């Protein structure tokens, strides 16, 4: 394989890794999904009705966000009777959230004033 072809394939692989990492953070970039994850970290496990009440959104909206979180591996679910309970899948998510809180606390004014990243 020519050297340029190898370089191109390595660059493509690296680009896919960057895209995957960015997509991971996008999963937590949605305020509702982040709130749900933080609630689950705080309470351990919640059923859909409890989550709906906590975030004050419709069942459809909450279910859509939970489906995204579950699909990407942030949360898992279990059924018990007519209820579905959710919990955070990986304990490292707590560490990630705590680290983000610390960084935000140290840079809150700069983040708040940033005009380069979309407003929510």
C-alpha atoms as a PDB file:
ATOM      1  CA  UNK A   1       0.000   0.000   0.000  1.00  0.00           C
ATOM      2  CA  UNK A   2       1.489   3.367  -0.940  1.00  0.00           C
ATOM      3  CA  UNK A   3       2.568   5.602   1.922  1.00  0.00           C
ATOM      4  CA  UNK A   4      -0.015   8.272   1.060  1.00  0.00           C
ATOM      5  CA  UNK A   5      -2.806   5.681   1.200  1.00  0.00           C
ATOM      6  CA  UNK A   6      -1.714   4.582   4.688  1.00  0.00           C
ATOM      7  CA  UNK A   7      -1.553   8.201   5.848  1.00  0.00           C
ATOM      8  CA  UNK A   8      -5.028   8.850   4.453  1.00  0.00           C
ATOM      9  CA  UNK A   9      -6.473   5.781   6.168  1.00  0.00           C
ATOM     10  CA  UNK A  10      -4.886   6.718   9.492  1.00  0.00           C
ATOM     11  CA  UNK A  11      -6.235  10.250   9.191  1.00  0.00           C
ATOM     12  CA  UNK A  12      -9.719   8.885   8.372  1.00  0.00           C
ATOM     13  CA  UNK A  13      -9.557   6.626  11.426  1.00  0.00           C
ATOM     14  CA  UNK A  14      -8.442   9.531  13.615  1.00  0.00           C
ATOM     15  CA  UNK A  15     -11.235  11.739  12.227  1.00  0.00           C
ATOM     16  CA  UNK A  16     -13.812   9.041  13.016  1.00  0.00           C
ATOM     17  CA  UNK A  17     -12.489   8.851  16.581  1.00  0.00           C
ATOM     18  CA  UNK A  18     -12.828  12.643  17.001  1.00  0.00           C
ATOM     19  CA  UNK A  19     -16.371  12.471  15.627  1.00  0.00           C
ATOM     20  CA  UNK A  20     -17.241   9.636  18.017  1.00  0.00           C
ATOM     21  CA  UNK A  21     -15.890  11.537  21.018  1.00  0.00           C
ATOM     22  CA  UNK A  22     -17.767  14.689  20.002  1.00  0.00           C
ATOM     23  CA  UNK A  23     -20.941  12.656  19.577  1.00  0.00           C
ATOM     24  CA  UNK A  24     -20.469  11.275  23.102  1.00  0.00           C
ATOM     25  CA  UNK A  25     -20.430  14.813  24.503  1.00  0.00           C
ATOM     26  CA  UNK A  26     -23.401  15.776  22.318  1.00  0.00           C
ATOM     27  CA  UNK A  27     -25.381  13.137  24.202  1.00  0.00           C
ATOM     28  CA  UNK A  28     -24.965  15.148  27.385  1.00  0.00           C
ATOM     29  CA  UNK A  29     -25.172  18.559  25.686  1.00  0.00           C
ATOM     30  CA  UNK A  30     -28.970  18.501  25.647  1.00  0.00           C
ATOM     31  CA  UNK A  31     -30.231  20.174  28.860  1.00  0.00           C
ATOM     32  CA  UNK A  32     -33.046  17.647  29.359  1.00  0.00           C
ATOM     33  CA  UNK A  33     -30.796  14.633  28.898  1.00  0.00           C
ATOM     34  CA  UNK A  34     -28.214  16.130  31.257  1.00  0.00           C
ATOM     35  CA  UNK A  35     -30.907  16.840  33.842  1.00  0.00           C
ATOM     36  CA  UNK A  36     -32.183  13.260  33.583  1.00  0.00           C
ATOM     37  CA  UNK A  37     -28.676  11.843  33.989  1.00  0.00           C
ATOM     38  CA  UNK A  38     -28.026  14.075  36.996  1.00  0.00           C
ATOM     39  CA  UNK A  39     -31.361  13.062  38.569  1.00  0.00           C
ATOM     40  CA  UNK A  40     -30.504   9.408  38.104  1.00  0.00           C
ATOM     41  CA  UNK A  41     -27.061   9.929  39.608  1.00  0.00           C
ATOM     42  CA  UNK A  42     -28.660  11.677  42.584  1.00  0.00           C
ATOM     43  CA  UNK A  43     -31.498   9.210  43.159  1.00  0.00           C
ATOM     44  CA  UNK A  44     -29.950   6.011  41.841  1.00  0.00           C
ATOM     45  CA  UNK A  45     -32.967   4.751  39.968  1.00  0.00           C
ATOM     46  CA  UNK A  46     -36.232   6.295  38.820  1.00  0.00           C
ATOM     47  CA  UNK A  47     -39.263   5.189  36.874  1.00  0.00           C
ATOM     48  CA  UNK A  48     -40.564   7.145  33.914  1.00  0.00           C
ATOM     49  CA  UNK A  49     -43.381   8.795  35.874  1.00  0.00           C
ATOM     50  CA  UNK A  50     -40.903  10.060  38.492  1.00  0.00           C
ATOM     51  CA  UNK A  51     -38.652  11.450  35.767  1.00  0.00           C
ATOM     52  CA  UNK A  52     -41.609  13.153  34.041  1.00  0.00           C
ATOM     53  CA  UNK A  53     -42.591  14.835  37.314  1.00  0.00           C
ATOM     54  CA  UNK A  54     -39.022  15.899  38.056  1.00  0.00           C
ATOM     55  CA  UNK A  55     -38.308  17.461  34.658  1.00  0.00           C
ATOM     56  CA  UNK A  56     -41.896  18.671  34.108  1.00  0.00           C
ATOM     57  CA  UNK A  57     -42.098  17.522  30.516  1.00  0.00           C
ATOM     58  CA  UNK A  58     -44.501  15.322  28.612  1.00  0.00           C
ATOM     59  CA  UNK A  59     -44.207  11.556  28.601  1.00  0.00           C
ATOM     60  CA  UNK A  60     -43.336  11.657  24.896  1.00  0.00           C
ATOM     61  CA  UNK A  61     -40.533  14.165  25.379  1.00  0.00           C
ATOM     62  CA  UNK A  62     -39.058  12.257  28.321  1.00  0.00           C
ATOM     63  CA  UNK A  63     -39.333   8.911  26.534  1.00  0.00           C
ATOM     64  CA  UNK A  64     -37.540  10.366  23.511  1.00  0.00           C
ATOM     65  CA  UNK A  65     -34.657  11.612  25.672  1.00  0.00           C
ATOM     66  CA  UNK A  66     -34.481   8.323  27.595  1.00  0.00           C
ATOM     67  CA  UNK A  67     -34.372   6.385  24.318  1.00  0.00           C
ATOM     68  CA  UNK A  68     -31.392   8.474  23.212  1.00  0.00           C
ATOM     69  CA  UNK A  69     -29.624   8.027  26.551  1.00  0.00           C
ATOM     70  CA  UNK A  70     -30.262   4.295  26.500  1.00  0.00           C
ATOM     71  CA  UNK A  71     -29.253   3.847  22.856  1.00  0.00           C
ATOM     72  CA  UNK A  72     -25.905   5.541  23.478  1.00  0.00           C
ATOM     73  CA  UNK A  73     -25.240   3.614  26.683  1.00  0.00           C
ATOM     74  CA  UNK A  74     -25.591   6.358  29.299  1.00  0.00           C
ATOM     75  CA  UNK A  75     -28.530   4.648  31.018  1.00  0.00           C
ATOM     76  CA  UNK A  76     -30.040   1.200  31.263  1.00  0.00           C
ATOM     77  CA  UNK A  77     -33.536   0.114  32.155  1.00  0.00           C
ATOM     78  CA  UNK A  78     -35.368  -2.715  33.826  1.00  0.00           C
ATOM     79  CA  UNK A  79     -39.041  -3.534  33.950  1.00  0.00           C
ATOM     80  CA  UNK A  80     -40.897  -4.242  37.155  1.00  0.00           C
ATOM     81  CA  UNK A  81     -44.574  -4.870  36.628  1.00  0.00           C
ATOM     82  CA  UNK A  82     -45.978  -1.990  34.636  1.00  0.00           C
ATOM     83  CA  UNK A  83     -43.076   0.329  35.471  1.00  0.00           C
ATOM     84  CA  UNK A  84     -39.767   0.817  33.684  1.00  0.00           C
ATOM     85  CA  UNK A  85     -36.905   1.957  35.897  1.00  0.00           C
ATOM     86  CA  UNK A  86     -33.810   3.745  34.634  1.00  0.00           C
ATOM     87  CA  UNK A  87     -30.353   4.126  36.112  1.00  0.00           C
ATOM     88  CA  UNK A  88     -26.973   5.366  34.932  1.00  0.00           C
ATOM     89  CA  UNK A  89     -25.044   2.542  33.303  1.00  0.00           C
ATOM     90  CA  UNK A  90     -21.454   3.494  34.055  1.00  0.00           C
ATOM     91  CA  UNK A  91     -20.251   5.007  37.336  1.00  0.00           C
ATOM     92  CA  UNK A  92     -17.630   6.996  35.430  1.00  0.00           C
ATOM     93  CA  UNK A  93     -20.458   9.227  34.201  1.00  0.00           C
ATOM     94  CA  UNK A  94     -20.668  10.612  37.772  1.00  0.00           C
ATOM     95  CA  UNK A  95     -16.955  11.450  37.648  1.00  0.00           C
ATOM     96  CA  UNK A  96     -17.387  13.121  34.273  1.00  0.00           C
ATOM     97  CA  UNK A  97     -20.330  15.226  35.509  1.00  0.00           C
ATOM     98  CA  UNK A  98     -18.460  16.233  38.681  1.00  0.00           C
ATOM     99  CA  UNK A  99     -15.397  17.211  36.670  1.00  0.00           C
ATOM    100  CA  UNK A 100     -17.575  19.252  34.285  1.00  0.00           C
ATOM    101  CA  UNK A 101     -19.204  21.032  37.246  1.00  0.00           C
ATOM    102  CA  UNK A 102     -15.786  21.998  38.588  1.00  0.00           C
ATOM    103  CA  UNK A 103     -14.583  23.304  35.221  1.00  0.00           C
ATOM    104  CA  UNK A 104     -17.828  25.242  34.727  1.00  0.00           C
ATOM    105  CA  UNK A 105     -17.580  26.729  38.218  1.00  0.00           C
ATOM    106  CA  UNK A 106     -14.083  27.984  37.443  1.00  0.00           C
ATOM    107  CA  UNK A 107     -15.103  29.382  34.047  1.00  0.00           C
ATOM    108  CA  UNK A 108     -18.786  30.278  34.452  1.00  0.00           C
ATOM    109  CA  UNK A 109     -18.517  33.908  33.324  1.00  0.00           C
ATOM    110  CA  UNK A 110     -16.517  33.027  30.218  1.00  0.00           C
ATOM    111  CA  UNK A 111     -18.898  30.214  29.303  1.00  0.00           C
ATOM    112  CA  UNK A 112     -21.943  32.435  29.906  1.00  0.00           C
ATOM    113  CA  UNK A 113     -20.472  35.191  27.729  1.00  0.00           C
ATOM    114  CA  UNK A 114     -19.389  32.863  24.907  1.00  0.00           C
ATOM    115  CA  UNK A 115     -21.108  33.719  21.631  1.00  0.00           C
ATOM    116  CA  UNK A 116     -19.435  30.938  19.617  1.00  0.00           C
ATOM    117  CA  UNK A 117     -21.428  28.076  21.137  1.00  0.00           C
ATOM    118  CA  UNK A 118     -25.185  28.009  20.582  1.00  0.00           C
ATOM    119  CA  UNK A 119     -27.541  29.393  23.181  1.00  0.00           C
ATOM    120  CA  UNK A 120     -30.145  27.069  24.624  1.00  0.00           C
END
